Amino acid sequence: MEHLEHLEHLERSRQNTIEIMGENFDIDENGYVSFGDVASEILDGTTQQISRYADGRLEEDGYPNLAKDLRFNGRIDMYHSLRIHKDDVEKFAERVKKHRAKTL
């Protein structure tokens, strides 16, 4: 019986994860994933660093708003609890990578 419960738990876990750009993320019931996980797993940065690209408040310091038309859950300035919609992760990541490549 324990083995069956374990398999059921694994199946439920798989239903609550999604693969995006080769990385697995926990997904909530509304389709959002942790912004911090995206920052570290896909963009090799901290949540604080990468959140600077999500609101443009530091544009004069080289951090333009690269998320104008994307969906977030939470406040940008509360970056540790911020979430980004699963369908917007790849767009945001590509924009950040493109911007970083231009500024190097």
PDB file of N, CA and C in Angstrom:
ATOM      1  N   MET A   1       0.817  -1.202   0.000  1.00  0.00           N
ATOM      2  CA  MET A   1       0.000   0.000   0.000  1.00  0.00           C
ATOM      3  C   MET A   1       0.858   1.262   0.000  1.00  0.00           C
ATOM      4  N   GLU A   2       1.947   1.282   0.754  1.00  0.00           N
ATOM      5  CA  GLU A   2       2.811   2.461   0.788  1.00  0.00           C
ATOM      6  C   GLU A   2       3.375   2.769  -0.587  1.00  0.00           C
ATOM      7  N   HIS A   3       3.722   1.732  -1.341  1.00  0.00           N
ATOM      8  CA  HIS A   3       4.270   1.932  -2.684  1.00  0.00           C
ATOM      9  C   HIS A   3       3.244   2.620  -3.586  1.00  0.00           C
ATOM     10  N   LEU A   4       1.993   2.197  -3.518  1.00  0.00           N
ATOM     11  CA  LEU A   4       0.924   2.796  -4.310  1.00  0.00           C
ATOM     12  C   LEU A   4       0.721   4.261  -3.918  1.00  0.00           C
ATOM     13  N   GLU A   5       0.736   4.568  -2.639  1.00  0.00           N
ATOM     14  CA  GLU A   5       0.603   5.955  -2.178  1.00  0.00           C
ATOM     15  C   GLU A   5       1.758   6.799  -2.684  1.00  0.00           C
ATOM     16  N   HIS A   6       2.955   6.240  -2.677  1.00  0.00           N
ATOM     17  CA  HIS A   6       4.125   6.959  -3.180  1.00  0.00           C
ATOM     18  C   HIS A   6       3.973   7.255  -4.670  1.00  0.00           C
ATOM     19  N   LEU A   7       3.519   6.297  -5.446  1.00  0.00           N
ATOM     20  CA  LEU A   7       3.313   6.497  -6.884  1.00  0.00           C
ATOM     21  C   LEU A   7       2.243   7.551  -7.142  1.00  0.00           C
ATOM     22  N   GLU A   8       1.182   7.536  -6.353  1.00  0.00           N
ATOM     23  CA  GLU A   8       0.127   8.537  -6.495  1.00  0.00           C
ATOM     24  C   GLU A   8       0.666   9.928  -6.169  1.00  0.00           C
ATOM     25  N   HIS A   9       1.503  10.015  -5.140  1.00  0.00           N
ATOM     26  CA  HIS A   9       2.121  11.291  -4.783  1.00  0.00           C
ATOM     27  C   HIS A   9       3.012  11.795  -5.916  1.00  0.00           C
ATOM     28  N   LEU A  10       3.799  10.921  -6.511  1.00  0.00           N
ATOM     29  CA  LEU A  10       4.656  11.311  -7.632  1.00  0.00           C
ATOM     30  C   LEU A  10       3.829  11.813  -8.813  1.00  0.00           C
ATOM     31  N   GLU A  11       2.738  11.152  -9.095  1.00  0.00           N
ATOM     32  CA  GLU A  11       1.871  11.562 -10.196  1.00  0.00           C
ATOM     33  C   GLU A  11       1.267  12.940  -9.923  1.00  0.00           C
ATOM     34  N   ARG A  12       0.810  13.194  -8.700  1.00  0.00           N
ATOM     35  CA  ARG A  12       0.284  14.515  -8.351  1.00  0.00           C
ATOM     36  C   ARG A  12       1.367  15.567  -8.478  1.00  0.00           C
ATOM     37  N   SER A  13       2.592  15.243  -8.096  1.00  0.00           N
ATOM     38  CA  SER A  13       3.706  16.188  -8.195  1.00  0.00           C
ATOM     39  C   SER A  13       3.984  16.543  -9.642  1.00  0.00           C
ATOM     40  N   ARG A  14       3.942  15.548 -10.508  1.00  0.00           N
ATOM     41  CA  ARG A  14       4.182  15.796 -11.935  1.00  0.00           C
ATOM     42  C   ARG A  14       3.103  16.701 -12.512  1.00  0.00           C
ATOM     43  N   GLN A  15       1.899  16.575 -12.038  1.00  0.00           N
ATOM     44  CA  GLN A  15       0.809  17.407 -12.532  1.00  0.00           C
ATOM     45  C   GLN A  15       0.980  18.863 -12.110  1.00  0.00           C
ATOM     46  N   ASN A  16       1.763  19.114 -11.094  1.00  0.00           N
ATOM     47  CA  ASN A  16       1.965  20.468 -10.595  1.00  0.00           C
ATOM     48  C   ASN A  16       3.321  21.039 -10.989  1.00  0.00           C
ATOM     49  N   THR A  17       3.945  20.449 -11.991  1.00  0.00           N
ATOM     50  CA  THR A  17       5.211  20.971 -12.498  1.00  0.00           C
ATOM     51  C   THR A  17       5.105  21.147 -14.004  1.00  0.00           C
ATOM     52  N   ILE A  18       5.978  21.991 -14.526  1.00  0.00           N
ATOM     53  CA  ILE A  18       6.017  22.248 -15.958  1.00  0.00           C
ATOM     54  C   ILE A  18       7.468  22.421 -16.375  1.00  0.00           C
ATOM     55  N   GLU A  19       7.782  21.975 -17.568  1.00  0.00           N
ATOM     56  CA  GLU A  19       9.134  22.169 -18.101  1.00  0.00           C
ATOM     57  C   GLU A  19       9.111  23.388 -19.009  1.00  0.00           C
ATOM     58  N   ILE A  20      10.022  24.312 -18.727  1.00  0.00           N
ATOM     59  CA  ILE A  20      10.167  25.516 -19.527  1.00  0.00           C
ATOM     60  C   ILE A  20      11.652  25.700 -19.798  1.00  0.00           C
ATOM     61  N   MET A  21      12.012  25.761 -21.042  1.00  0.00           N
ATOM     62  CA  MET A  21      13.402  25.991 -21.457  1.00  0.00           C
ATOM     63  C   MET A  21      14.347  24.986 -20.806  1.00  0.00           C
ATOM     64  N   GLY A  22      13.904  23.748 -20.722  1.00  0.00           N
ATOM     65  CA  GLY A  22      14.737  22.676 -20.196  1.00  0.00           C
ATOM     66  C   GLY A  22      14.812  22.575 -18.688  1.00  0.00           C
ATOM     67  N   GLU A  23      14.058  23.402 -17.972  1.00  0.00           N
ATOM     68  CA  GLU A  23      14.048  23.385 -16.510  1.00  0.00           C
ATOM     69  C   GLU A  23      12.641  23.075 -16.016  1.00  0.00           C
ATOM     70  N   ASN A  24      12.553  22.391 -14.886  1.00  0.00           N
ATOM     71  CA  ASN A  24      11.254  22.068 -14.297  1.00  0.00           C
ATOM     72  C   ASN A  24      10.906  23.067 -13.203  1.00  0.00           C
ATOM     73  N   PHE A  25       9.655  23.519 -13.229  1.00  0.00           N
ATOM     74  CA  PHE A  25       9.175  24.501 -12.261  1.00  0.00           C
ATOM     75  C   PHE A  25       7.863  24.030 -11.655  1.00  0.00           C
ATOM     76  N   ASP A  26       7.685  24.331 -10.372  1.00  0.00           N
ATOM     77  CA  ASP A  26       6.390  24.123  -9.735  1.00  0.00           C
ATOM     78  C   ASP A  26       5.446  25.181 -10.287  1.00  0.00           C
ATOM     79  N   ILE A  27       4.227  24.779 -10.562  1.00  0.00           N
ATOM     80  CA  ILE A  27       3.243  25.692 -11.143  1.00  0.00           C
ATOM     81  C   ILE A  27       2.023  25.741 -10.238  1.00  0.00           C
ATOM     82  N   ASP A  28       1.474  26.941 -10.044  1.00  0.00           N
ATOM     83  CA  ASP A  28       0.282  27.027  -9.201  1.00  0.00           C
ATOM     84  C   ASP A  28      -0.982  26.833 -10.042  1.00  0.00           C
ATOM     85  N   GLU A  29      -2.113  26.853  -9.393  1.00  0.00           N
ATOM     86  CA  GLU A  29      -3.380  26.578 -10.070  1.00  0.00           C
ATOM     87  C   GLU A  29      -3.753  27.632 -11.102  1.00  0.00           C
ATOM     88  N   ASN A  30      -3.118  28.802 -11.060  1.00  0.00           N
ATOM     89  CA  ASN A  30      -3.397  29.868 -12.019  1.00  0.00           C
ATOM     90  C   ASN A  30      -2.364  29.958 -13.142  1.00  0.00           C
ATOM     91  N   GLY A  31      -1.396  29.034 -13.137  1.00  0.00           N
ATOM     92  CA  GLY A  31      -0.413  29.000 -14.217  1.00  0.00           C
ATOM     93  C   GLY A  31       0.841  29.826 -13.967  1.00  0.00           C
ATOM     94  N   TYR A  32       1.093  30.191 -12.719  1.00  0.00           N
ATOM     95  CA  TYR A  32       2.272  31.002 -12.394  1.00  0.00           C
ATOM     96  C   TYR A  32       3.370  30.150 -11.767  1.00  0.00           C
ATOM     97  N   VAL A  33       4.613  30.543 -12.059  1.00  0.00           N
ATOM     98  CA  VAL A  33       5.783  29.879 -11.489  1.00  0.00           C
ATOM     99  C   VAL A  33       6.601  30.919 -10.727  1.00  0.00           C
ATOM    100  N   SER A  34       7.482  30.443  -9.877  1.00  0.00           N
ATOM    101  CA  SER A  34       8.304  31.332  -9.064  1.00  0.00           C
ATOM    102  C   SER A  34       9.270  32.137  -9.935  1.00  0.00           C
ATOM    103  N   PHE A  35       9.208  33.461  -9.796  1.00  0.00           N
ATOM    104  CA  PHE A  35      10.118  34.329 -10.528  1.00  0.00           C
ATOM    105  C   PHE A  35      11.561  34.072 -10.089  1.00  0.00           C
ATOM    106  N   GLY A  36      11.761  33.801  -8.806  1.00  0.00           N
ATOM    107  CA  GLY A  36      13.099  33.519  -8.291  1.00  0.00           C
ATOM    108  C   GLY A  36      13.705  32.273  -8.914  1.00  0.00           C
ATOM    109  N   ASP A  37      12.875  31.255  -9.107  1.00  0.00           N
ATOM    110  CA  ASP A  37      13.363  30.035  -9.751  1.00  0.00           C
ATOM    111  C   ASP A  37      13.742  30.303 -11.200  1.00  0.00           C
ATOM    112  N   VAL A  38      12.949  31.109 -11.891  1.00  0.00           N
ATOM    113  CA  VAL A  38      13.276  31.474 -13.273  1.00  0.00           C
ATOM    114  C   VAL A  38      14.588  32.258 -13.307  1.00  0.00           C
ATOM    115  N   ALA A  39      14.729  33.204 -12.384  1.00  0.00           N
ATOM    116  CA  ALA A  39      15.944  34.022 -12.334  1.00  0.00           C
ATOM    117  C   ALA A  39      17.192  33.167 -12.165  1.00  0.00           C
ATOM    118  N   SER A  40      17.133  32.223 -11.251  1.00  0.00           N
ATOM    119  CA  SER A  40      18.329  31.427 -10.971  1.00  0.00           C
ATOM    120  C   SER A  40      18.526  30.289 -11.965  1.00  0.00           C
ATOM    121  N   GLU A  41      17.460  29.611 -12.364  1.00  0.00           N
ATOM    122  CA  GLU A  41      17.601  28.425 -13.208  1.00  0.00           C
ATOM    123  C   GLU A  41      17.810  28.749 -14.683  1.00  0.00           C
ATOM    124  N   ILE A  42      17.172  29.799 -15.168  1.00  0.00           N
ATOM    125  CA  ILE A  42      17.264  30.120 -16.596  1.00  0.00           C
ATOM    126  C   ILE A  42      18.196  31.299 -16.856  1.00  0.00           C
ATOM    127  N   LEU A  43      18.178  32.280 -15.974  1.00  0.00           N
ATOM    128  CA  LEU A  43      18.920  33.517 -16.231  1.00  0.00           C
ATOM    129  C   LEU A  43      20.189  33.669 -15.401  1.00  0.00           C
ATOM    130  N   ASP A  44      20.515  32.681 -14.616  1.00  0.00           N
ATOM    131  CA  ASP A  44      21.751  32.685 -13.825  1.00  0.00           C
ATOM    132  C   ASP A  44      21.949  33.974 -13.037  1.00  0.00           C
ATOM    133  N   GLY A  45      20.890  34.433 -12.403  1.00  0.00           N
ATOM    134  CA  GLY A  45      20.973  35.636 -11.590  1.00  0.00           C
ATOM    135  C   GLY A  45      20.146  35.480 -10.336  1.00  0.00           C
ATOM    136  N   THR A  46      20.235  36.472  -9.468  1.00  0.00           N
ATOM    137  CA  THR A  46      19.412  36.458  -8.273  1.00  0.00           C
ATOM    138  C   THR A  46      18.051  37.066  -8.595  1.00  0.00           C
ATOM    139  N   THR A  47      17.096  36.809  -7.746  1.00  0.00           N
ATOM    140  CA  THR A  47      15.765  37.372  -7.928  1.00  0.00           C
ATOM    141  C   THR A  47      15.834  38.895  -7.942  1.00  0.00           C
ATOM    142  N   GLN A  48      16.620  39.454  -7.046  1.00  0.00           N
ATOM    143  CA  GLN A  48      16.743  40.908  -6.980  1.00  0.00           C
ATOM    144  C   GLN A  48      17.331  41.477  -8.268  1.00  0.00           C
ATOM    145  N   GLN A  49      18.391  40.880  -8.763  1.00  0.00           N
ATOM    146  CA  GLN A  49      19.021  41.366 -10.002  1.00  0.00           C
ATOM    147  C   GLN A  49      18.048  41.318 -11.175  1.00  0.00           C
ATOM    148  N   ILE A  50      17.428  40.170 -11.376  1.00  0.00           N
ATOM    149  CA  ILE A  50      16.584  39.981 -12.547  1.00  0.00           C
ATOM    150  C   ILE A  50      15.285  40.778 -12.441  1.00  0.00           C
ATOM    151  N   SER A  51      14.791  41.019 -11.224  1.00  0.00           N
ATOM    152  CA  SER A  51      13.560  41.802 -11.075  1.00  0.00           C
ATOM    153  C   SER A  51      13.751  43.237 -11.557  1.00  0.00           C
ATOM    154  N   ARG A  52      14.970  43.711 -11.640  1.00  0.00           N
ATOM    155  CA  ARG A  52      15.229  45.062 -12.142  1.00  0.00           C
ATOM    156  C   ARG A  52      14.788  45.217 -13.598  1.00  0.00           C
ATOM    157  N   TYR A  53      14.735  44.118 -14.329  1.00  0.00           N
ATOM    158  CA  TYR A  53      14.279  44.149 -15.717  1.00  0.00           C
ATOM    159  C   TYR A  53      12.752  44.081 -15.836  1.00  0.00           C
ATOM    160  N   ALA A  54      12.066  43.956 -14.729  1.00  0.00           N
ATOM    161  CA  ALA A  54      10.622  43.758 -14.760  1.00  0.00           C
ATOM    162  C   ALA A  54       9.812  45.016 -14.487  1.00  0.00           C
ATOM    163  N   ASP A  55      10.468  46.126 -14.162  1.00  0.00           N
ATOM    164  CA  ASP A  55       9.666  47.332 -13.905  1.00  0.00           C
ATOM    165  C   ASP A  55      10.266  48.625 -14.439  1.00  0.00           C
ATOM    166  N   GLY A  56      11.511  48.638 -14.832  1.00  0.00           N
ATOM    167  CA  GLY A  56      12.104  49.822 -15.427  1.00  0.00           C
ATOM    168  C   GLY A  56      12.463  50.939 -14.472  1.00  0.00           C
ATOM    169  N   ARG A  57      12.336  50.715 -13.165  1.00  0.00           N
ATOM    170  CA  ARG A  57      12.634  51.805 -12.227  1.00  0.00           C
ATOM    171  C   ARG A  57      14.121  52.154 -12.186  1.00  0.00           C
ATOM    172  N   LEU A  58      14.964  51.266 -12.704  1.00  0.00           N
ATOM    173  CA  LEU A  58      16.403  51.539 -12.757  1.00  0.00           C
ATOM    174  C   LEU A  58      16.892  51.618 -14.203  1.00  0.00           C
ATOM    175  N   GLU A  59      16.019  52.121 -15.070  1.00  0.00           N
ATOM    176  CA  GLU A  59      16.352  52.180 -16.489  1.00  0.00           C
ATOM    177  C   GLU A  59      17.616  53.004 -16.741  1.00  0.00           C
ATOM    178  N   GLU A  60      17.785  54.077 -15.995  1.00  0.00           N
ATOM    179  CA  GLU A  60      18.972  54.910 -16.188  1.00  0.00           C
ATOM    180  C   GLU A  60      20.255  54.184 -15.772  1.00  0.00           C
ATOM    181  N   ASP A  61      20.121  53.113 -15.011  1.00  0.00           N
ATOM    182  CA  ASP A  61      21.272  52.300 -14.610  1.00  0.00           C
ATOM    183  C   ASP A  61      21.460  51.086 -15.514  1.00  0.00           C
ATOM    184  N   GLY A  62      20.722  51.037 -16.631  1.00  0.00           N
ATOM    185  CA  GLY A  62      20.890  49.950 -17.585  1.00  0.00           C
ATOM    186  C   GLY A  62      19.927  48.795 -17.428  1.00  0.00           C
ATOM    187  N   TYR A  63      18.830  49.002 -16.711  1.00  0.00           N
ATOM    188  CA  TYR A  63      17.829  47.950 -16.501  1.00  0.00           C
ATOM    189  C   TYR A  63      16.475  48.385 -17.075  1.00  0.00           C
ATOM    190  N   PRO A  64      16.290  48.272 -18.386  1.00  0.00           N
ATOM    191  CA  PRO A  64      15.018  48.683 -18.981  1.00  0.00           C
ATOM    192  C   PRO A  64      13.884  47.729 -18.589  1.00  0.00           C
ATOM    193  N   ASN A  65      12.673  48.209 -18.731  1.00  0.00           N
ATOM    194  CA  ASN A  65      11.510  47.372 -18.463  1.00  0.00           C
ATOM    195  C   ASN A  65      11.328  46.414 -19.634  1.00  0.00           C
ATOM    196  N   LEU A  66      11.636  45.157 -19.417  1.00  0.00           N
ATOM    197  CA  LEU A  66      11.520  44.140 -20.451  1.00  0.00           C
ATOM    198  C   LEU A  66      10.278  43.277 -20.253  1.00  0.00           C
ATOM    199  N   ALA A  67       9.377  43.727 -19.386  1.00  0.00           N
ATOM    200  CA  ALA A  67       8.201  42.918 -19.047  1.00  0.00           C
ATOM    201  C   ALA A  67       6.892  43.681 -19.217  1.00  0.00           C
ATOM    202  N   LYS A  68       6.879  44.692 -20.049  1.00  0.00           N
ATOM    203  CA  LYS A  68       5.704  45.567 -20.164  1.00  0.00           C
ATOM    204  C   LYS A  68       4.406  44.828 -20.458  1.00  0.00           C
ATOM    205  N   ASP A  69       4.424  43.845 -21.316  1.00  0.00           N
ATOM    206  CA  ASP A  69       3.199  43.178 -21.727  1.00  0.00           C
ATOM    207  C   ASP A  69       3.065  41.769 -21.146  1.00  0.00           C
ATOM    208  N   LEU A  70       3.829  41.471 -20.096  1.00  0.00           N
ATOM    209  CA  LEU A  70       3.841  40.129 -19.518  1.00  0.00           C
ATOM    210  C   LEU A  70       3.044  40.087 -18.218  1.00  0.00           C
ATOM    211  N   ARG A  71       2.639  38.883 -17.833  1.00  0.00           N
ATOM    212  CA  ARG A  71       1.796  38.700 -16.642  1.00  0.00           C
ATOM    213  C   ARG A  71       2.623  38.284 -15.429  1.00  0.00           C
ATOM    214  N   PHE A  72       2.441  39.027 -14.365  1.00  0.00           N
ATOM    215  CA  PHE A  72       3.084  38.742 -13.090  1.00  0.00           C
ATOM    216  C   PHE A  72       2.018  38.646 -12.018  1.00  0.00           C
ATOM    217  N   ASN A  73       2.342  37.938 -10.956  1.00  0.00           N
ATOM    218  CA  ASN A  73       1.466  37.842  -9.798  1.00  0.00           C
ATOM    219  C   ASN A  73       2.300  38.298  -8.613  1.00  0.00           C
ATOM    220  N   GLY A  74       1.892  39.385  -8.002  1.00  0.00           N
ATOM    221  CA  GLY A  74       2.642  39.956  -6.888  1.00  0.00           C
ATOM    222  C   GLY A  74       3.216  41.302  -7.277  1.00  0.00           C
ATOM    223  N   ARG A  75       3.867  41.913  -6.332  1.00  0.00           N
ATOM    224  CA  ARG A  75       4.488  43.222  -6.567  1.00  0.00           C
ATOM    225  C   ARG A  75       5.948  43.029  -6.956  1.00  0.00           C
ATOM    226  N   ILE A  76       6.389  43.768  -7.956  1.00  0.00           N
ATOM    227  CA  ILE A  76       7.766  43.665  -8.441  1.00  0.00           C
ATOM    228  C   ILE A  76       8.756  43.968  -7.319  1.00  0.00           C
ATOM    229  N   ASP A  77       8.438  44.952  -6.483  1.00  0.00           N
ATOM    230  CA  ASP A  77       9.368  45.319  -5.412  1.00  0.00           C
ATOM    231  C   ASP A  77       9.393  44.296  -4.274  1.00  0.00           C
ATOM    232  N   MET A  78       8.496  43.340  -4.310  1.00  0.00           N
ATOM    233  CA  MET A  78       8.501  42.234  -3.344  1.00  0.00           C
ATOM    234  C   MET A  78       8.948  40.982  -4.095  1.00  0.00           C
ATOM    235  N   TYR A  79      10.146  41.071  -4.645  1.00  0.00           N
ATOM    236  CA  TYR A  79      10.613  40.082  -5.621  1.00  0.00           C
ATOM    237  C   TYR A  79      10.717  38.662  -5.093  1.00  0.00           C
ATOM    238  N   HIS A  80      10.839  38.463  -3.796  1.00  0.00           N
ATOM    239  CA  HIS A  80      10.954  37.094  -3.275  1.00  0.00           C
ATOM    240  C   HIS A  80       9.646  36.314  -3.392  1.00  0.00           C
ATOM    241  N   SER A  81       8.524  37.012  -3.436  1.00  0.00           N
ATOM    242  CA  SER A  81       7.238  36.327  -3.573  1.00  0.00           C
ATOM    243  C   SER A  81       6.642  36.497  -4.980  1.00  0.00           C
ATOM    244  N   LEU A  82       7.358  37.134  -5.853  1.00  0.00           N
ATOM    245  CA  LEU A  82       6.882  37.403  -7.208  1.00  0.00           C
ATOM    246  C   LEU A  82       6.772  36.121  -8.027  1.00  0.00           C
ATOM    247  N   ARG A  83       5.747  36.074  -8.873  1.00  0.00           N
ATOM    248  CA  ARG A  83       5.528  34.928  -9.755  1.00  0.00           C
ATOM    249  C   ARG A  83       5.294  35.461 -11.162  1.00  0.00           C
ATOM    250  N   ILE A  84       5.671  34.671 -12.161  1.00  0.00           N
ATOM    251  CA  ILE A  84       5.487  35.027 -13.565  1.00  0.00           C
ATOM    252  C   ILE A  84       4.684  33.921 -14.235  1.00  0.00           C
ATOM    253  N   HIS A  85       3.818  34.315 -15.162  1.00  0.00           N
ATOM    254  CA  HIS A  85       2.976  33.323 -15.826  1.00  0.00           C
ATOM    255  C   HIS A  85       3.834  32.409 -16.697  1.00  0.00           C
ATOM    256  N   LYS A  86       3.495  31.142 -16.693  1.00  0.00           N
ATOM    257  CA  LYS A  86       4.264  30.123 -17.415  1.00  0.00           C
ATOM    258  C   LYS A  86       4.415  30.453 -18.896  1.00  0.00           C
ATOM    259  N   ASP A  87       3.402  31.056 -19.493  1.00  0.00           N
ATOM    260  CA  ASP A  87       3.456  31.380 -20.920  1.00  0.00           C
ATOM    261  C   ASP A  87       4.313  32.608 -21.224  1.00  0.00           C
ATOM    262  N   ASP A  88       4.740  33.330 -20.192  1.00  0.00           N
ATOM    263  CA  ASP A  88       5.550  34.528 -20.389  1.00  0.00           C
ATOM    264  C   ASP A  88       7.018  34.334 -20.019  1.00  0.00           C
ATOM    265  N   VAL A  89       7.345  33.204 -19.434  1.00  0.00           N
ATOM    266  CA  VAL A  89       8.723  32.963 -18.982  1.00  0.00           C
ATOM    267  C   VAL A  89       9.707  33.031 -20.143  1.00  0.00           C
ATOM    268  N   GLU A  90       9.426  32.319 -21.198  1.00  0.00           N
ATOM    269  CA  GLU A  90      10.363  32.263 -22.319  1.00  0.00           C
ATOM    270  C   GLU A  90      10.542  33.639 -22.963  1.00  0.00           C
ATOM    271  N   LYS A  91       9.461  34.393 -23.135  1.00  0.00           N
ATOM    272  CA  LYS A  91       9.558  35.747 -23.698  1.00  0.00           C
ATOM    273  C   LYS A  91      10.452  36.623 -22.833  1.00  0.00           C
ATOM    274  N   PHE A  92      10.193  36.598 -21.521  1.00  0.00           N
ATOM    275  CA  PHE A  92      10.976  37.428 -20.612  1.00  0.00           C
ATOM    276  C   PHE A  92      12.443  37.012 -20.620  1.00  0.00           C
ATOM    277  N   ALA A  93      12.698  35.715 -20.550  1.00  0.00           N
ATOM    278  CA  ALA A  93      14.075  35.219 -20.523  1.00  0.00           C
ATOM    279  C   ALA A  93      14.827  35.611 -21.795  1.00  0.00           C
ATOM    280  N   GLU A  94      14.181  35.482 -22.936  1.00  0.00           N
ATOM    281  CA  GLU A  94      14.834  35.839 -24.202  1.00  0.00           C
ATOM    282  C   GLU A  94      15.134  37.328 -24.262  1.00  0.00           C
ATOM    283  N   ARG A  95      14.225  38.155 -23.771  1.00  0.00           N
ATOM    284  CA  ARG A  95      14.465  39.603 -23.751  1.00  0.00           C
ATOM    285  C   ARG A  95      15.651  39.953 -22.865  1.00  0.00           C
ATOM    286  N   VAL A  96      15.703  39.346 -21.690  1.00  0.00           N
ATOM    287  CA  VAL A  96      16.810  39.624 -20.766  1.00  0.00           C
ATOM    288  C   VAL A  96      18.133  39.166 -21.383  1.00  0.00           C
ATOM    289  N   LYS A  97      18.153  37.980 -21.944  1.00  0.00           N
ATOM    290  CA  LYS A  97      19.379  37.460 -22.553  1.00  0.00           C
ATOM    291  C   LYS A  97      19.837  38.341 -23.708  1.00  0.00           C
ATOM    292  N   LYS A  98      18.898  38.783 -24.530  1.00  0.00           N
ATOM    293  CA  LYS A  98      19.231  39.655 -25.670  1.00  0.00           C
ATOM    294  C   LYS A  98      19.806  40.977 -25.179  1.00  0.00           C
ATOM    295  N   HIS A  99      19.177  41.551 -24.154  1.00  0.00           N
ATOM    296  CA  HIS A  99      19.661  42.828 -23.607  1.00  0.00           C
ATOM    297  C   HIS A  99      21.060  42.673 -23.009  1.00  0.00           C
ATOM    298  N   ARG A 100      21.244  41.610 -22.255  1.00  0.00           N
ATOM    299  CA  ARG A 100      22.563  41.372 -21.648  1.00  0.00           C
ATOM    300  C   ARG A 100      23.635  41.197 -22.713  1.00  0.00           C
ATOM    301  N   ALA A 101      23.316  40.496 -23.797  1.00  0.00           N
ATOM    302  CA  ALA A 101      24.291  40.267 -24.869  1.00  0.00           C
ATOM    303  C   ALA A 101      24.676  41.595 -25.535  1.00  0.00           C
ATOM    304  N   LYS A 102      23.733  42.508 -25.655  1.00  0.00           N
ATOM    305  CA  LYS A 102      24.024  43.820 -26.275  1.00  0.00           C
ATOM    306  C   LYS A 102      24.892  44.687 -25.376  1.00  0.00           C
ATOM    307  N   THR A 103      24.780  44.514 -24.068  1.00  0.00           N
ATOM    308  CA  THR A 103      25.489  45.401 -23.149  1.00  0.00           C
ATOM    309  C   THR A 103      26.852  44.865 -22.715  1.00  0.00           C
ATOM    310  N   LEU A 104      27.200  43.658 -23.161  1.00  0.00           N
ATOM    311  CA  LEU A 104      28.516  43.109 -22.793  1.00  0.00           C
ATOM    312  C   LEU A 104      29.602  43.612 -23.690  1.00  0.00           C
TER     313      LEU A 104
END
